[in-house]
Amino acid sequence: MDKESKEKAASVLRDAATAVRKFASENKALREKLAAKELRERVEKVAAAMHNKNIRLDETREAIADELEKEAQNGKLGEIERAVEYIGPDMGKFAQLRNDDQQGVSSGSDFERYVLGGLG
């Protein structure tokens, strides 16, 4: 190879190295943005599940999602997801807890009155 072709080859290699570094940097930035977006979608899904199960209804989904993102940084998001999964559906739709201490239940059988607290 003559001197001129060696210089051209060296120039092409330098340009290629610069381009590879640039693309690697862009690739890293895009991967970080994608990971942040996927995390946000994941925490929003957990926050929605929490609201659907009547957990922390006093807070907005966005506020819960923000807090869950902080917990994800501590590595606890998986545990929280499993805990929300284990919680059953909103039982408030199916049953109510009453504490009005009715003692004088007068209808039904003795068994019904006993179960409802009217006997014994």
N, C-alpha and C. Protein backbone atom coordinates (compact mmCIF):
# COMPACT_ATOMS: atom_id res chain seq x y z
N MET A 1 0.84 -1.19 0.00
CA MET A 1 0.00 0.00 0.00
C MET A 1 0.88 1.24 0.00
N ASP A 2 0.45 2.18 -0.77
CA ASP A 2 1.21 3.41 -0.75
C ASP A 2 0.72 4.31 0.40
N LYS A 3 1.42 5.40 0.59
CA LYS A 3 1.17 6.28 1.72
C LYS A 3 -0.23 6.88 1.68
N GLU A 4 -0.68 7.27 0.51
CA GLU A 4 -1.99 7.91 0.36
C GLU A 4 -3.13 6.93 0.70
N SER A 5 -3.04 5.69 0.27
CA SER A 5 -4.09 4.72 0.56
C SER A 5 -4.09 4.34 2.05
N LYS A 6 -2.90 4.35 2.66
CA LYS A 6 -2.83 4.08 4.09
C LYS A 6 -3.52 5.19 4.87
N GLU A 7 -3.31 6.41 4.45
CA GLU A 7 -3.95 7.55 5.13
C GLU A 7 -5.47 7.50 4.96
N LYS A 8 -5.93 7.12 3.77
CA LYS A 8 -7.37 7.00 3.53
C LYS A 8 -7.96 5.88 4.39
N ALA A 9 -7.28 4.78 4.49
CA ALA A 9 -7.76 3.66 5.30
C ALA A 9 -7.82 4.07 6.78
N ALA A 10 -6.80 4.77 7.24
CA ALA A 10 -6.78 5.22 8.63
C ALA A 10 -7.91 6.20 8.89
N SER A 11 -8.16 7.08 7.93
CA SER A 11 -9.26 8.05 8.06
C SER A 11 -10.61 7.35 8.12
N VAL A 12 -10.79 6.36 7.25
CA VAL A 12 -12.05 5.60 7.24
C VAL A 12 -12.23 4.87 8.57
N LEU A 13 -11.17 4.30 9.10
CA LEU A 13 -11.26 3.59 10.38
C LEU A 13 -11.58 4.55 11.53
N ARG A 14 -10.99 5.73 11.51
CA ARG A 14 -11.30 6.73 12.55
C ARG A 14 -12.76 7.16 12.46
N ASP A 15 -13.22 7.41 11.24
CA ASP A 15 -14.62 7.81 11.05
C ASP A 15 -15.57 6.70 11.47
N ALA A 16 -15.20 5.47 11.15
CA ALA A 16 -16.03 4.33 11.53
C ALA A 16 -16.08 4.20 13.05
N ALA A 17 -14.96 4.37 13.70
CA ALA A 17 -14.92 4.27 15.17
C ALA A 17 -15.78 5.35 15.80
N THR A 18 -15.69 6.56 15.25
CA THR A 18 -16.52 7.66 15.75
C THR A 18 -18.01 7.35 15.56
N ALA A 19 -18.35 6.84 14.41
CA ALA A 19 -19.75 6.51 14.12
C ALA A 19 -20.25 5.39 15.05
N VAL A 20 -19.42 4.39 15.28
CA VAL A 20 -19.80 3.28 16.16
C VAL A 20 -20.02 3.80 17.58
N ARG A 21 -19.15 4.66 18.07
CA ARG A 21 -19.32 5.23 19.41
C ARG A 21 -20.61 6.04 19.49
N LYS A 22 -20.89 6.82 18.45
CA LYS A 22 -22.11 7.64 18.43
C LYS A 22 -23.34 6.75 18.46
N PHE A 23 -23.36 5.72 17.63
CA PHE A 23 -24.52 4.82 17.59
C PHE A 23 -24.68 4.04 18.89
N ALA A 24 -23.56 3.66 19.49
CA ALA A 24 -23.63 2.95 20.77
C ALA A 24 -24.21 3.85 21.85
N SER A 25 -23.82 5.11 21.83
CA SER A 25 -24.35 6.06 22.80
C SER A 25 -25.85 6.28 22.59
N GLU A 26 -26.27 6.43 21.34
CA GLU A 26 -27.70 6.60 21.04
C GLU A 26 -28.48 5.35 21.43
N ASN A 27 -27.89 4.19 21.15
CA ASN A 27 -28.53 2.92 21.49
C ASN A 27 -28.74 2.82 23.00
N LYS A 28 -27.72 3.20 23.77
CA LYS A 28 -27.82 3.15 25.23
C LYS A 28 -28.92 4.09 25.72
N ALA A 29 -28.96 5.30 25.17
CA ALA A 29 -29.98 6.27 25.58
C ALA A 29 -31.39 5.75 25.26
N LEU A 30 -31.55 5.16 24.09
CA LEU A 30 -32.86 4.63 23.71
C LEU A 30 -33.27 3.43 24.58
N ARG A 31 -32.30 2.60 24.93
CA ARG A 31 -32.61 1.47 25.83
C ARG A 31 -33.06 1.97 27.20
N GLU A 32 -32.40 3.02 27.69
CA GLU A 32 -32.79 3.59 28.99
C GLU A 32 -34.20 4.18 28.93
N LYS A 33 -34.51 4.88 27.84
CA LYS A 33 -35.85 5.46 27.69
C LYS A 33 -36.90 4.36 27.59
N LEU A 34 -36.59 3.30 26.86
CA LEU A 34 -37.53 2.19 26.73
C LEU A 34 -37.75 1.51 28.09
N ALA A 35 -36.69 1.31 28.83
CA ALA A 35 -36.81 0.68 30.15
C ALA A 35 -37.66 1.55 31.08
N ALA A 36 -37.47 2.87 31.03
CA ALA A 36 -38.26 3.78 31.86
C ALA A 36 -39.73 3.74 31.47
N LYS A 37 -40.00 3.69 30.16
CA LYS A 37 -41.39 3.63 29.69
C LYS A 37 -42.04 2.31 30.09
N GLU A 38 -41.32 1.21 29.95
CA GLU A 38 -41.86 -0.10 30.34
C GLU A 38 -42.12 -0.16 31.84
N LEU A 39 -41.22 0.43 32.64
CA LEU A 39 -41.42 0.47 34.08
C LEU A 39 -42.66 1.29 34.42
N ARG A 40 -42.82 2.44 33.77
CA ARG A 40 -43.97 3.29 34.05
C ARG A 40 -45.27 2.55 33.70
N GLU A 41 -45.29 1.85 32.58
CA GLU A 41 -46.48 1.08 32.21
C GLU A 41 -46.76 -0.01 33.24
N ARG A 42 -45.72 -0.63 33.73
CA ARG A 42 -45.88 -1.70 34.71
C ARG A 42 -46.44 -1.17 36.03
N VAL A 43 -45.91 -0.04 36.51
CA VAL A 43 -46.41 0.51 37.78
C VAL A 43 -47.82 1.07 37.61
N GLU A 44 -48.13 1.61 36.44
CA GLU A 44 -49.50 2.09 36.21
C GLU A 44 -50.48 0.92 36.21
N LYS A 45 -50.05 -0.22 35.69
CA LYS A 45 -50.91 -1.40 35.69
C LYS A 45 -51.16 -1.87 37.13
N VAL A 46 -50.13 -1.86 37.96
CA VAL A 46 -50.28 -2.26 39.36
C VAL A 46 -51.17 -1.26 40.09
N ALA A 47 -50.98 0.03 39.83
CA ALA A 47 -51.81 1.05 40.47
C ALA A 47 -53.28 0.89 40.08
N ALA A 48 -53.53 0.57 38.81
CA ALA A 48 -54.90 0.34 38.36
C ALA A 48 -55.50 -0.88 39.05
N ALA A 49 -54.71 -1.94 39.19
CA ALA A 49 -55.19 -3.14 39.88
C ALA A 49 -55.50 -2.83 41.34
N MET A 50 -54.69 -2.00 41.95
CA MET A 50 -54.94 -1.62 43.33
C MET A 50 -56.26 -0.86 43.45
N HIS A 51 -56.50 0.06 42.56
CA HIS A 51 -57.75 0.81 42.58
C HIS A 51 -58.94 -0.11 42.31
N ASN A 52 -58.78 -1.04 41.38
CA ASN A 52 -59.87 -1.97 41.07
C ASN A 52 -60.23 -2.85 42.27
N LYS A 53 -59.26 -3.08 43.14
CA LYS A 53 -59.50 -3.89 44.32
C LYS A 53 -59.74 -3.02 45.55
N ASN A 54 -60.02 -1.75 45.31
CA ASN A 54 -60.32 -0.76 46.37
C ASN A 54 -59.19 -0.62 47.38
N ILE A 55 -57.97 -0.63 46.90
CA ILE A 55 -56.80 -0.42 47.75
C ILE A 55 -56.31 1.01 47.51
N ARG A 56 -56.15 1.76 48.56
CA ARG A 56 -55.64 3.14 48.52
C ARG A 56 -56.45 4.03 47.58
N LEU A 57 -57.75 4.00 47.75
CA LEU A 57 -58.62 4.82 46.91
C LEU A 57 -58.50 6.30 47.23
N ASP A 58 -57.93 6.62 48.39
CA ASP A 58 -57.77 8.02 48.78
C ASP A 58 -56.66 8.72 47.99
N GLU A 59 -55.89 7.96 47.21
CA GLU A 59 -54.82 8.53 46.39
C GLU A 59 -55.13 8.30 44.92
N THR A 60 -54.60 9.18 44.08
CA THR A 60 -54.80 9.00 42.64
C THR A 60 -53.91 7.89 42.13
N ARG A 61 -54.28 7.35 40.99
CA ARG A 61 -53.45 6.30 40.38
C ARG A 61 -52.06 6.82 40.06
N GLU A 62 -52.00 8.07 39.64
CA GLU A 62 -50.70 8.66 39.29
C GLU A 62 -49.80 8.74 40.51
N ALA A 63 -50.38 9.14 41.65
CA ALA A 63 -49.58 9.24 42.88
C ALA A 63 -49.09 7.87 43.31
N ILE A 64 -49.97 6.88 43.20
CA ILE A 64 -49.56 5.51 43.55
C ILE A 64 -48.47 5.04 42.60
N ALA A 65 -48.63 5.32 41.31
CA ALA A 65 -47.63 4.91 40.32
C ALA A 65 -46.28 5.57 40.60
N ASP A 66 -46.30 6.85 40.99
CA ASP A 66 -45.05 7.54 41.32
C ASP A 66 -44.36 6.86 42.50
N GLU A 67 -45.14 6.50 43.51
CA GLU A 67 -44.57 5.84 44.67
C GLU A 67 -44.05 4.44 44.31
N LEU A 68 -44.78 3.75 43.45
CA LEU A 68 -44.34 2.42 43.03
C LEU A 68 -43.04 2.49 42.23
N GLU A 69 -42.86 3.55 41.46
CA GLU A 69 -41.59 3.72 40.72
C GLU A 69 -40.42 3.84 41.69
N LYS A 70 -40.65 4.55 42.79
CA LYS A 70 -39.59 4.67 43.81
C LYS A 70 -39.31 3.31 44.44
N GLU A 71 -40.36 2.55 44.70
CA GLU A 71 -40.18 1.22 45.27
C GLU A 71 -39.46 0.29 44.28
N ALA A 72 -39.71 0.49 42.99
CA ALA A 72 -39.03 -0.32 41.97
C ALA A 72 -37.53 -0.09 42.01
N GLN A 73 -37.12 1.13 42.31
CA GLN A 73 -35.69 1.42 42.40
C GLN A 73 -35.05 0.65 43.56
N ASN A 74 -35.86 0.32 44.57
CA ASN A 74 -35.36 -0.47 45.71
C ASN A 74 -35.54 -1.96 45.49
N GLY A 75 -36.05 -2.34 44.31
CA GLY A 75 -36.21 -3.75 43.97
C GLY A 75 -37.43 -4.42 44.59
N LYS A 76 -38.43 -3.64 44.99
CA LYS A 76 -39.59 -4.21 45.67
C LYS A 76 -40.85 -4.28 44.82
N LEU A 77 -40.78 -3.89 43.56
CA LEU A 77 -41.98 -3.86 42.73
C LEU A 77 -42.55 -5.25 42.52
N GLY A 78 -41.71 -6.25 42.32
CA GLY A 78 -42.18 -7.62 42.12
C GLY A 78 -42.98 -8.12 43.33
N GLU A 79 -42.49 -7.82 44.52
CA GLU A 79 -43.19 -8.23 45.73
C GLU A 79 -44.55 -7.54 45.83
N ILE A 80 -44.59 -6.27 45.49
CA ILE A 80 -45.85 -5.52 45.55
C ILE A 80 -46.83 -6.07 44.53
N GLU A 81 -46.34 -6.37 43.33
CA GLU A 81 -47.22 -6.95 42.30
C GLU A 81 -47.83 -8.26 42.79
N ARG A 82 -47.01 -9.12 43.38
CA ARG A 82 -47.52 -10.41 43.88
C ARG A 82 -48.53 -10.19 45.00
N ALA A 83 -48.27 -9.25 45.87
CA ALA A 83 -49.20 -8.98 46.98
C ALA A 83 -50.55 -8.50 46.45
N VAL A 84 -50.52 -7.63 45.46
CA VAL A 84 -51.77 -7.14 44.87
C VAL A 84 -52.50 -8.28 44.18
N GLU A 85 -51.75 -9.16 43.52
CA GLU A 85 -52.36 -10.33 42.87
C GLU A 85 -53.07 -11.22 43.88
N TYR A 86 -52.46 -11.39 45.06
CA TYR A 86 -53.02 -12.29 46.07
C TYR A 86 -54.29 -11.73 46.71
N ILE A 87 -54.44 -10.43 46.69
CA ILE A 87 -55.63 -9.83 47.28
C ILE A 87 -56.81 -10.15 46.40
N GLY A 88 -57.86 -10.64 47.02
CA GLY A 88 -59.05 -11.03 46.27
C GLY A 88 -59.80 -9.82 45.74
N PRO A 89 -60.91 -10.08 45.07
CA PRO A 89 -61.71 -8.98 44.54
C PRO A 89 -62.28 -8.15 45.68
N ASP A 90 -62.79 -7.00 45.35
CA ASP A 90 -63.37 -6.10 46.33
C ASP A 90 -64.57 -6.79 46.99
N MET A 91 -64.40 -7.22 48.21
CA MET A 91 -65.47 -7.93 48.91
C MET A 91 -66.59 -6.98 49.33
N GLY A 92 -66.35 -5.69 49.29
CA GLY A 92 -67.39 -4.73 49.62
C GLY A 92 -68.57 -4.81 48.67
N LYS A 93 -68.32 -5.34 47.49
CA LYS A 93 -69.40 -5.50 46.51
C LYS A 93 -70.29 -6.69 46.86
N PHE A 94 -69.77 -7.62 47.66
CA PHE A 94 -70.48 -8.85 47.94
C PHE A 94 -70.99 -8.96 49.37
N ALA A 95 -70.38 -8.27 50.31
CA ALA A 95 -70.76 -8.41 51.71
C ALA A 95 -70.55 -7.09 52.44
N GLN A 96 -71.20 -6.99 53.58
CA GLN A 96 -71.03 -5.82 54.42
C GLN A 96 -70.81 -6.26 55.85
N LEU A 97 -70.06 -5.50 56.57
CA LEU A 97 -69.85 -5.75 57.98
C LEU A 97 -70.70 -4.75 58.74
N ARG A 98 -71.59 -5.27 59.57
CA ARG A 98 -72.46 -4.40 60.36
C ARG A 98 -72.11 -4.56 61.82
N ASN A 99 -72.08 -3.46 62.51
CA ASN A 99 -71.81 -3.50 63.94
C ASN A 99 -72.80 -2.57 64.63
N ASP A 100 -74.08 -2.95 64.57
CA ASP A 100 -75.09 -2.12 65.21
C ASP A 100 -75.66 -2.77 66.46
N ASP A 101 -75.10 -3.91 66.84
CA ASP A 101 -75.45 -4.60 68.09
C ASP A 101 -76.94 -4.77 68.29
N GLN A 102 -77.61 -5.31 67.30
CA GLN A 102 -79.03 -5.59 67.46
C GLN A 102 -79.19 -6.82 68.33
N GLN A 103 -79.83 -6.67 69.45
CA GLN A 103 -80.02 -7.79 70.36
C GLN A 103 -81.43 -8.38 70.26
N GLY A 104 -82.35 -7.63 69.82
CA GLY A 104 -83.74 -8.09 69.82
C GLY A 104 -84.20 -8.58 68.47
N VAL A 105 -83.53 -9.55 67.87
CA VAL A 105 -83.95 -10.10 66.60
C VAL A 105 -85.14 -11.00 66.87
N SER A 106 -86.27 -10.71 66.22
CA SER A 106 -87.49 -11.42 66.58
C SER A 106 -87.99 -12.36 65.49
N SER A 107 -87.44 -12.31 64.30
CA SER A 107 -87.95 -13.17 63.24
C SER A 107 -87.00 -14.32 62.98
N GLY A 108 -87.50 -15.37 62.32
CA GLY A 108 -86.67 -16.50 61.96
C GLY A 108 -86.66 -17.57 63.03
N SER A 109 -85.95 -18.64 62.74
CA SER A 109 -85.86 -19.77 63.67
C SER A 109 -84.89 -19.45 64.81
N ASP A 110 -84.88 -20.34 65.82
CA ASP A 110 -83.93 -20.16 66.92
C ASP A 110 -82.49 -20.17 66.41
N PHE A 111 -82.23 -21.01 65.41
CA PHE A 111 -80.88 -21.07 64.84
C PHE A 111 -80.49 -19.73 64.21
N GLU A 112 -81.41 -19.14 63.42
CA GLU A 112 -81.11 -17.85 62.78
C GLU A 112 -80.88 -16.77 63.82
N ARG A 113 -81.69 -16.77 64.86
CA ARG A 113 -81.51 -15.76 65.92
C ARG A 113 -80.20 -15.97 66.65
N TYR A 114 -79.82 -17.23 66.86
CA TYR A 114 -78.56 -17.52 67.53
C TYR A 114 -77.38 -17.04 66.69
N VAL A 115 -77.42 -17.35 65.38
CA VAL A 115 -76.34 -16.93 64.48
C VAL A 115 -76.26 -15.41 64.40
N LEU A 116 -77.42 -14.76 64.39
CA LEU A 116 -77.43 -13.31 64.29
C LEU A 116 -77.21 -12.63 65.63
N GLY A 117 -77.09 -13.39 66.68
CA GLY A 117 -76.76 -12.81 67.98
C GLY A 117 -77.96 -12.56 68.86
N GLY A 118 -79.12 -13.07 68.53
CA GLY A 118 -80.30 -12.80 69.31
C GLY A 118 -80.55 -13.83 70.41
N LEU A 119 -79.88 -14.95 70.37
CA LEU A 119 -80.05 -15.99 71.40
C LEU A 119 -78.72 -16.29 72.04
N GLY A 120 -78.77 -16.72 73.28
CA GLY A 120 -77.58 -17.19 73.95
C GLY A 120 -76.77 -16.10 74.45
